[in-house]
Protein backbone atom coordinates (compact mmCIF):
# COMPACT_ATOMS: atom_id res chain seq x y z
CA UNK A 1 0.00 0.00 0.00
CA UNK A 2 1.34 3.41 -0.99
CA UNK A 3 -1.42 5.68 0.30
CA UNK A 4 -4.74 5.73 2.10
CA UNK A 5 -7.82 7.73 1.27
CA UNK A 6 -10.06 9.35 3.85
CA UNK A 7 -13.81 9.75 3.60
CA UNK A 8 -14.44 12.83 1.48
CA UNK A 9 -11.10 12.77 -0.37
CA UNK A 10 -11.59 13.69 -4.01
CA UNK A 11 -10.23 11.28 -6.59
CA UNK A 12 -10.53 10.99 -10.33
CA UNK A 13 -11.85 7.71 -11.68
CA UNK A 14 -9.64 6.70 -14.61
CA UNK A 15 -10.30 4.20 -17.38
CA UNK A 16 -9.30 0.93 -15.71
CA UNK A 17 -12.05 -1.44 -14.60
CA UNK A 18 -11.57 -5.05 -13.53
CA UNK A 19 -13.65 -7.66 -11.74
CA UNK A 20 -11.57 -9.93 -9.51
CA UNK A 21 -13.21 -12.62 -7.36
CA UNK A 22 -16.59 -10.88 -7.76
CA UNK A 23 -15.30 -7.46 -6.69
CA UNK A 24 -15.35 -4.58 -9.19
CA UNK A 25 -12.15 -2.52 -8.98
CA UNK A 26 -11.69 0.92 -10.57
CA UNK A 27 -8.48 2.73 -11.38
CA UNK A 28 -8.27 6.09 -9.60
CA UNK A 29 -5.92 9.05 -9.33
CA UNK A 30 -5.59 11.19 -6.21
CA UNK A 31 -4.86 14.91 -6.00
CA UNK A 32 -1.12 14.16 -5.71
CA UNK A 33 -1.25 12.40 -9.09
CA UNK A 34 -0.77 8.89 -7.69
CA UNK A 35 -2.56 6.08 -9.51
CA UNK A 36 -4.12 3.10 -7.79
CA UNK A 37 -7.09 0.78 -7.61
CA UNK A 38 -9.98 0.67 -5.12
CA UNK A 39 -13.18 -1.37 -4.92
CA UNK A 40 -15.88 0.47 -6.84
CA UNK A 41 -18.28 0.11 -3.90
CA UNK A 42 -16.19 2.71 -2.02
CA UNK A 43 -16.67 5.39 -4.68
CA UNK A 44 -19.37 7.98 -5.12
CA UNK A 45 -19.26 9.44 -8.60
CA UNK A 46 -20.00 13.14 -8.84
CA UNK A 47 -19.88 14.80 -12.23
CA UNK A 48 -18.51 18.31 -12.08
CA UNK A 49 -19.62 20.77 -14.74
CA UNK A 50 -17.83 23.98 -15.59
CA UNK A 51 -19.25 27.17 -14.16
CA UNK A 52 -20.90 29.21 -16.91
CA UNK A 53 -19.27 32.53 -17.65
CA UNK A 54 -21.13 35.77 -18.23
CA UNK A 55 -21.04 36.80 -21.88
CA UNK A 56 -22.26 40.36 -21.36
CA UNK A 57 -25.61 39.61 -22.97
CA UNK A 58 -28.63 40.79 -21.00
CA UNK A 59 -30.33 38.16 -18.90
CA UNK A 60 -34.12 38.20 -19.11
CA UNK A 61 -35.78 38.86 -15.76
CA UNK A 62 -38.63 36.70 -14.57
CA UNK A 63 -41.69 38.55 -13.38
CA UNK A 64 -44.54 37.15 -11.35
CA UNK A 65 -47.87 36.73 -13.06
CA UNK A 66 -50.74 38.76 -11.61
CA UNK A 67 -52.65 36.90 -8.93
CA UNK A 68 -55.90 35.40 -10.12
CA UNK A 69 -58.94 37.02 -8.59
CA UNK A 70 -62.26 35.35 -8.16
CA UNK A 71 -65.37 37.27 -9.14
CA UNK A 72 -67.27 38.83 -6.25
CA UNK A 73 -70.97 37.94 -5.83
PDB file of N, CA and C in Angstrom:
ATOM      1  N   UNK A   1       0.845  -1.174   0.000  1.00  0.00           N
ATOM      2  CA  UNK A   1       0.000   0.000   0.000  1.00  0.00           C
ATOM      3  C   UNK A   1       0.893   1.241   0.000  1.00  0.00           C
ATOM      4  N   UNK A   2       0.569   2.175  -0.886  1.00  0.00           N
ATOM      5  CA  UNK A   2       1.344   3.411  -0.995  1.00  0.00           C
ATOM      6  C   UNK A   2       0.646   4.555  -0.284  1.00  0.00           C
ATOM      7  N   UNK A   3      -0.683   4.570  -0.303  1.00  0.00           N
ATOM      8  CA  UNK A   3      -1.420   5.683   0.297  1.00  0.00           C
ATOM      9  C   UNK A   3      -2.776   5.198   0.781  1.00  0.00           C
ATOM     10  N   UNK A   4      -3.384   5.989   1.638  1.00  0.00           N
ATOM     11  CA  UNK A   4      -4.740   5.726   2.097  1.00  0.00           C
ATOM     12  C   UNK A   4      -5.607   6.933   1.785  1.00  0.00           C
ATOM     13  N   UNK A   5      -6.862   6.665   1.496  1.00  0.00           N
ATOM     14  CA  UNK A   5      -7.821   7.734   1.269  1.00  0.00           C
ATOM     15  C   UNK A   5      -8.689   7.879   2.505  1.00  0.00           C
ATOM     16  N   UNK A   6      -9.123   9.087   2.757  1.00  0.00           N
ATOM     17  CA  UNK A   6     -10.061   9.347   3.846  1.00  0.00           C
ATOM     18  C   UNK A   6     -11.437   9.611   3.257  1.00  0.00           C
ATOM     19  N   UNK A   7     -12.451   9.432   4.049  1.00  0.00           N
ATOM     20  CA  UNK A   7     -13.807   9.745   3.603  1.00  0.00           C
ATOM     21  C   UNK A   7     -13.833  11.209   3.179  1.00  0.00           C
ATOM     22  N   UNK A   8     -14.347  11.462   1.992  1.00  0.00           N
ATOM     23  CA  UNK A   8     -14.436  12.828   1.484  1.00  0.00           C
ATOM     24  C   UNK A   8     -13.290  13.243   0.590  1.00  0.00           C
ATOM     25  N   UNK A   9     -12.204  12.444   0.539  1.00  0.00           N
ATOM     26  CA  UNK A   9     -11.102  12.773  -0.367  1.00  0.00           C
ATOM     27  C   UNK A   9     -11.599  12.704  -1.809  1.00  0.00           C
ATOM     28  N   UNK A  10     -11.212  13.696  -2.599  1.00  0.00           N
ATOM     29  CA  UNK A  10     -11.591  13.694  -4.006  1.00  0.00           C
ATOM     30  C   UNK A  10     -10.572  12.908  -4.813  1.00  0.00           C
ATOM     31  N   UNK A  11     -11.080  12.058  -5.685  1.00  0.00           N
ATOM     32  CA  UNK A  11     -10.232  11.282  -6.588  1.00  0.00           C
ATOM     33  C   UNK A  11     -10.845  11.364  -7.980  1.00  0.00           C
ATOM     34  N   UNK A  12     -10.046  11.056  -8.958  1.00  0.00           N
ATOM     35  CA  UNK A  12     -10.532  10.985 -10.334  1.00  0.00           C
ATOM     36  C   UNK A  12     -10.570   9.528 -10.739  1.00  0.00           C
ATOM     37  N   UNK A  13     -11.736   9.074 -11.192  1.00  0.00           N
ATOM     38  CA  UNK A  13     -11.854   7.708 -11.680  1.00  0.00           C
ATOM     39  C   UNK A  13     -11.282   7.683 -13.089  1.00  0.00           C
ATOM     40  N   UNK A  14     -10.306   6.801 -13.303  1.00  0.00           N
ATOM     41  CA  UNK A  14      -9.639   6.696 -14.607  1.00  0.00           C
ATOM     42  C   UNK A  14     -10.356   5.658 -15.466  1.00  0.00           C
ATOM     43  N   UNK A  15      -9.668   5.079 -16.411  1.00  0.00           N
ATOM     44  CA  UNK A  15     -10.297   4.196 -17.384  1.00  0.00           C
ATOM     45  C   UNK A  15     -10.252   2.722 -17.014  1.00  0.00           C
ATOM     46  N   UNK A  16      -9.423   2.337 -16.059  1.00  0.00           N
ATOM     47  CA  UNK A  16      -9.302   0.931 -15.712  1.00  0.00           C
ATOM     48  C   UNK A  16     -10.497   0.416 -14.937  1.00  0.00           C
ATOM     49  N   UNK A  17     -10.935  -0.789 -15.281  1.00  0.00           N
ATOM     50  CA  UNK A  17     -12.054  -1.437 -14.601  1.00  0.00           C
ATOM     51  C   UNK A  17     -11.833  -2.936 -14.691  1.00  0.00           C
ATOM     52  N   UNK A  18     -11.793  -3.608 -13.563  1.00  0.00           N
ATOM     53  CA  UNK A  18     -11.565  -5.054 -13.533  1.00  0.00           C
ATOM     54  C   UNK A  18     -12.468  -5.683 -12.483  1.00  0.00           C
ATOM     55  N   UNK A  19     -12.919  -6.898 -12.744  1.00  0.00           N
ATOM     56  CA  UNK A  19     -13.649  -7.663 -11.745  1.00  0.00           C
ATOM     57  C   UNK A  19     -12.758  -8.830 -11.341  1.00  0.00           C
ATOM     58  N   UNK A  20     -12.436  -8.881 -10.046  1.00  0.00           N
ATOM     59  CA  UNK A  20     -11.569  -9.930  -9.508  1.00  0.00           C
ATOM     60  C   UNK A  20     -12.286 -10.576  -8.328  1.00  0.00           C
ATOM     61  N   UNK A  21     -12.504 -11.886  -8.416  1.00  0.00           N
ATOM     62  CA  UNK A  21     -13.209 -12.622  -7.358  1.00  0.00           C
ATOM     63  C   UNK A  21     -14.539 -11.969  -6.985  1.00  0.00           C
ATOM     64  N   UNK A  22     -15.270 -11.468  -7.980  1.00  0.00           N
ATOM     65  CA  UNK A  22     -16.586 -10.883  -7.756  1.00  0.00           C
ATOM     66  C   UNK A  22     -16.572  -9.449  -7.267  1.00  0.00           C
ATOM     67  N   UNK A  23     -15.398  -8.847  -7.137  1.00  0.00           N
ATOM     68  CA  UNK A  23     -15.301  -7.458  -6.689  1.00  0.00           C
ATOM     69  C   UNK A  23     -14.889  -6.593  -7.866  1.00  0.00           C
ATOM     70  N   UNK A  24     -15.673  -5.518  -8.113  1.00  0.00           N
ATOM     71  CA  UNK A  24     -15.350  -4.584  -9.193  1.00  0.00           C
ATOM     72  C   UNK A  24     -14.338  -3.565  -8.666  1.00  0.00           C
ATOM     73  N   UNK A  25     -13.212  -3.458  -9.347  1.00  0.00           N
ATOM     74  CA  UNK A  25     -12.147  -2.517  -8.984  1.00  0.00           C
ATOM     75  C   UNK A  25     -12.061  -1.437 -10.055  1.00  0.00           C
ATOM     76  N   UNK A  26     -11.852  -0.186  -9.626  1.00  0.00           N
ATOM     77  CA  UNK A  26     -11.691   0.920 -10.568  1.00  0.00           C
ATOM     78  C   UNK A  26     -10.340   1.580 -10.349  1.00  0.00           C
ATOM     79  N   UNK A  27      -9.758   2.012 -11.452  1.00  0.00           N
ATOM     80  CA  UNK A  27      -8.483   2.730 -11.384  1.00  0.00           C
ATOM     81  C   UNK A  27      -8.777   4.177 -11.020  1.00  0.00           C
ATOM     82  N   UNK A  28      -8.043   4.715 -10.058  1.00  0.00           N
ATOM     83  CA  UNK A  28      -8.266   6.086  -9.602  1.00  0.00           C
ATOM     84  C   UNK A  28      -6.952   6.853  -9.534  1.00  0.00           C
ATOM     85  N   UNK A  29      -7.076   8.170  -9.489  1.00  0.00           N
ATOM     86  CA  UNK A  29      -5.922   9.046  -9.329  1.00  0.00           C
ATOM     87  C   UNK A  29      -6.247  10.047  -8.240  1.00  0.00           C
ATOM     88  N   UNK A  30      -5.340  10.233  -7.282  1.00  0.00           N
ATOM     89  CA  UNK A  30      -5.585  11.189  -6.207  1.00  0.00           C
ATOM     90  C   UNK A  30      -5.054  12.563  -6.590  1.00  0.00           C
ATOM     91  N   UNK A  31      -5.261  13.534  -5.696  1.00  0.00           N
ATOM     92  CA  UNK A  31      -4.861  14.913  -6.005  1.00  0.00           C
ATOM     93  C   UNK A  31      -3.357  15.082  -6.111  1.00  0.00           C
ATOM     94  N   UNK A  32      -2.590  14.123  -5.597  1.00  0.00           N
ATOM     95  CA  UNK A  32      -1.125  14.158  -5.710  1.00  0.00           C
ATOM     96  C   UNK A  32      -0.643  13.554  -7.035  1.00  0.00           C
ATOM     97  N   UNK A  33      -1.594  13.001  -7.808  1.00  0.00           N
ATOM     98  CA  UNK A  33      -1.245  12.402  -9.088  1.00  0.00           C
ATOM     99  C   UNK A  33      -0.938  10.916  -9.027  1.00  0.00           C
ATOM    100  N   UNK A  34      -1.058  10.315  -7.827  1.00  0.00           N
ATOM    101  CA  UNK A  34      -0.771   8.886  -7.688  1.00  0.00           C
ATOM    102  C   UNK A  34      -1.917   8.058  -8.244  1.00  0.00           C
ATOM    103  N   UNK A  35      -1.572   6.991  -8.947  1.00  0.00           N
ATOM    104  CA  UNK A  35      -2.563   6.084  -9.511  1.00  0.00           C
ATOM    105  C   UNK A  35      -2.690   4.859  -8.624  1.00  0.00           C
ATOM    106  N   UNK A  36      -3.903   4.323  -8.564  1.00  0.00           N
ATOM    107  CA  UNK A  36      -4.117   3.104  -7.788  1.00  0.00           C
ATOM    108  C   UNK A  36      -5.470   2.513  -8.117  1.00  0.00           C
ATOM    109  N   UNK A  37      -5.829   1.472  -7.385  1.00  0.00           N
ATOM    110  CA  UNK A  37      -7.089   0.777  -7.607  1.00  0.00           C
ATOM    111  C   UNK A  37      -7.832   0.663  -6.286  1.00  0.00           C
ATOM    112  N   UNK A  38      -9.164   0.869  -6.313  1.00  0.00           N
ATOM    113  CA  UNK A  38      -9.977   0.666  -5.124  1.00  0.00           C
ATOM    114  C   UNK A  38     -11.270  -0.044  -5.535  1.00  0.00           C
ATOM    115  N   UNK A  39     -11.886  -0.757  -4.601  1.00  0.00           N
ATOM    116  CA  UNK A  39     -13.178  -1.368  -4.925  1.00  0.00           C
ATOM    117  C   UNK A  39     -14.200  -0.289  -5.279  1.00  0.00           C
ATOM    118  N   UNK A  40     -14.919  -0.521  -6.349  1.00  0.00           N
ATOM    119  CA  UNK A  40     -15.884   0.470  -6.842  1.00  0.00           C
ATOM    120  C   UNK A  40     -16.935   0.817  -5.785  1.00  0.00           C
ATOM    121  N   UNK A  41     -17.259  -0.115  -4.919  1.00  0.00           N
ATOM    122  CA  UNK A  41     -18.280   0.111  -3.900  1.00  0.00           C
ATOM    123  C   UNK A  41     -17.911   1.272  -2.973  1.00  0.00           C
ATOM    124  N   UNK A  42     -16.637   1.613  -2.884  1.00  0.00           N
ATOM    125  CA  UNK A  42     -16.194   2.712  -2.019  1.00  0.00           C
ATOM    126  C   UNK A  42     -16.175   4.062  -2.727  1.00  0.00           C
ATOM    127  N   UNK A  43     -16.678   4.123  -3.940  1.00  0.00           N
ATOM    128  CA  UNK A  43     -16.668   5.387  -4.677  1.00  0.00           C
ATOM    129  C   UNK A  43     -18.073   5.960  -4.792  1.00  0.00           C
ATOM    130  N   UNK A  44     -18.140   7.250  -4.824  1.00  0.00           N
ATOM    131  CA  UNK A  44     -19.365   7.981  -5.116  1.00  0.00           C
ATOM    132  C   UNK A  44     -19.006   8.906  -6.270  1.00  0.00           C
ATOM    133  N   UNK A  45     -19.616   8.667  -7.412  1.00  0.00           N
ATOM    134  CA  UNK A  45     -19.258   9.436  -8.604  1.00  0.00           C
ATOM    135  C   UNK A  45     -20.077  10.710  -8.653  1.00  0.00           C
ATOM    136  N   UNK A  46     -19.381  11.823  -8.724  1.00  0.00           N
ATOM    137  CA  UNK A  46     -20.001  13.137  -8.842  1.00  0.00           C
ATOM    138  C   UNK A  46     -19.445  13.769 -10.110  1.00  0.00           C
ATOM    139  N   UNK A  47     -20.313  14.171 -11.000  1.00  0.00           N
ATOM    140  CA  UNK A  47     -19.877  14.804 -12.232  1.00  0.00           C
ATOM    141  C   UNK A  47     -19.822  16.305 -12.015  1.00  0.00           C
ATOM    142  N   UNK A  48     -18.675  16.871 -12.230  1.00  0.00           N
ATOM    143  CA  UNK A  48     -18.505  18.314 -12.083  1.00  0.00           C
ATOM    144  C   UNK A  48     -18.660  18.964 -13.436  1.00  0.00           C
ATOM    145  N   UNK A  49     -19.445  20.034 -13.493  1.00  0.00           N
ATOM    146  CA  UNK A  49     -19.616  20.767 -14.743  1.00  0.00           C
ATOM    147  C   UNK A  49     -18.983  22.134 -14.595  1.00  0.00           C
ATOM    148  N   UNK A  50     -18.452  22.654 -15.676  1.00  0.00           N
ATOM    149  CA  UNK A  50     -17.828  23.976 -15.595  1.00  0.00           C
ATOM    150  C   UNK A  50     -18.853  25.045 -15.218  1.00  0.00           C
ATOM    151  N   UNK A  51     -18.399  26.044 -14.522  1.00  0.00           N
ATOM    152  CA  UNK A  51     -19.252  27.172 -14.165  1.00  0.00           C
ATOM    153  C   UNK A  51     -19.441  28.050 -15.393  1.00  0.00           C
ATOM    154  N   UNK A  52     -20.698  28.358 -15.735  1.00  0.00           N
ATOM    155  CA  UNK A  52     -20.901  29.209 -16.908  1.00  0.00           C
ATOM    156  C   UNK A  52     -20.314  30.598 -16.683  1.00  0.00           C
ATOM    157  N   UNK A  53     -19.824  31.183 -17.746  1.00  0.00           N
ATOM    158  CA  UNK A  53     -19.267  32.529 -17.651  1.00  0.00           C
ATOM    159  C   UNK A  53     -20.243  33.522 -18.254  1.00  0.00           C
ATOM    160  N   UNK A  54     -20.233  34.722 -17.732  1.00  0.00           N
ATOM    161  CA  UNK A  54     -21.129  35.767 -18.226  1.00  0.00           C
ATOM    162  C   UNK A  54     -20.592  36.304 -19.546  1.00  0.00           C
ATOM    163  N   UNK A  55     -21.464  36.352 -20.547  1.00  0.00           N
ATOM    164  CA  UNK A  55     -21.039  36.798 -21.876  1.00  0.00           C
ATOM    165  C   UNK A  55     -21.292  38.279 -22.115  1.00  0.00           C
ATOM    166  N   UNK A  56     -21.942  38.948 -21.176  1.00  0.00           N
ATOM    167  CA  UNK A  56     -22.258  40.356 -21.363  1.00  0.00           C
ATOM    168  C   UNK A  56     -23.632  40.571 -21.959  1.00  0.00           C
ATOM    169  N   UNK A  57     -24.265  39.490 -22.418  1.00  0.00           N
ATOM    170  CA  UNK A  57     -25.610  39.614 -22.972  1.00  0.00           C
ATOM    171  C   UNK A  57     -26.603  39.812 -21.830  1.00  0.00           C
ATOM    172  N   UNK A  58     -27.651  40.597 -22.072  1.00  0.00           N
ATOM    173  CA  UNK A  58     -28.634  40.791 -21.005  1.00  0.00           C
ATOM    174  C   UNK A  58     -29.333  39.484 -20.648  1.00  0.00           C
ATOM    175  N   UNK A  59     -29.618  39.336 -19.381  1.00  0.00           N
ATOM    176  CA  UNK A  59     -30.327  38.157 -18.898  1.00  0.00           C
ATOM    177  C   UNK A  59     -31.769  38.542 -18.671  1.00  0.00           C
ATOM    178  N   UNK A  60     -32.717  37.822 -19.299  1.00  0.00           N
ATOM    179  CA  UNK A  60     -34.120  38.201 -19.110  1.00  0.00           C
ATOM    180  C   UNK A  60     -34.541  38.007 -17.657  1.00  0.00           C
ATOM    181  N   UNK A  61     -35.300  38.937 -17.148  1.00  0.00           N
ATOM    182  CA  UNK A  61     -35.784  38.856 -15.765  1.00  0.00           C
ATOM    183  C   UNK A  61     -37.121  38.154 -15.749  1.00  0.00           C
ATOM    184  N   UNK A  62     -37.338  37.362 -14.732  1.00  0.00           N
ATOM    185  CA  UNK A  62     -38.629  36.704 -14.568  1.00  0.00           C
ATOM    186  C   UNK A  62     -39.520  37.611 -13.733  1.00  0.00           C
ATOM    187  N   UNK A  63     -40.766  37.755 -14.153  1.00  0.00           N
ATOM    188  CA  UNK A  63     -41.693  38.548 -13.379  1.00  0.00           C
ATOM    189  C   UNK A  63     -42.852  37.663 -12.977  1.00  0.00           C
ATOM    190  N   UNK A  64     -43.418  37.947 -11.833  1.00  0.00           N
ATOM    191  CA  UNK A  64     -44.541  37.149 -11.347  1.00  0.00           C
ATOM    192  C   UNK A  64     -45.797  37.508 -12.130  1.00  0.00           C
ATOM    193  N   UNK A  65     -46.596  36.481 -12.387  1.00  0.00           N
ATOM    194  CA  UNK A  65     -47.866  36.726 -13.057  1.00  0.00           C
ATOM    195  C   UNK A  65     -48.844  37.344 -12.066  1.00  0.00           C
ATOM    196  N   UNK A  66     -49.770  38.170 -12.545  1.00  0.00           N
ATOM    197  CA  UNK A  66     -50.740  38.762 -11.613  1.00  0.00           C
ATOM    198  C   UNK A  66     -51.557  37.665 -10.932  1.00  0.00           C
ATOM    199  N   UNK A  67     -51.865  37.885  -9.693  1.00  0.00           N
ATOM    200  CA  UNK A  67     -52.647  36.902  -8.933  1.00  0.00           C
ATOM    201  C   UNK A  67     -54.042  36.818  -9.520  1.00  0.00           C
ATOM    202  N   UNK A  68     -54.544  35.593  -9.603  1.00  0.00           N
ATOM    203  CA  UNK A  68     -55.903  35.398 -10.124  1.00  0.00           C
ATOM    204  C   UNK A  68     -56.904  35.870  -9.070  1.00  0.00           C
ATOM    205  N   UNK A  69     -57.906  36.573  -9.522  1.00  0.00           N
ATOM    206  CA  UNK A  69     -58.938  37.024  -8.587  1.00  0.00           C
ATOM    207  C   UNK A  69     -60.228  36.324  -8.923  1.00  0.00           C
ATOM    208  N   UNK A  70     -60.968  35.996  -7.908  1.00  0.00           N
ATOM    209  CA  UNK A  70     -62.256  35.354  -8.158  1.00  0.00           C
ATOM    210  C   UNK A  70     -63.335  36.435  -8.214  1.00  0.00           C
ATOM    211  N   UNK A  71     -64.329  36.241  -9.043  1.00  0.00           N
ATOM    212  CA  UNK A  71     -65.372  37.273  -9.142  1.00  0.00           C
ATOM    213  C   UNK A  71     -66.131  37.404  -7.821  1.00  0.00           C
ATOM    214  N   UNK A  72     -66.496  38.642  -7.469  1.00  0.00           N
ATOM    215  CA  UNK A  72     -67.270  38.827  -6.247  1.00  0.00           C
ATOM    216  C   UNK A  72     -68.768  38.677  -6.575  1.00  0.00           C
ATOM    217  N   UNK A  73     -69.523  38.143  -5.592  1.00  0.00           N
ATOM    218  CA  UNK A  73     -70.965  37.935  -5.833  1.00  0.00           C
ATOM    219  C   UNK A  73     -71.747  39.212  -5.926  1.00  0.00           C
TER     220      UNK A  73
END
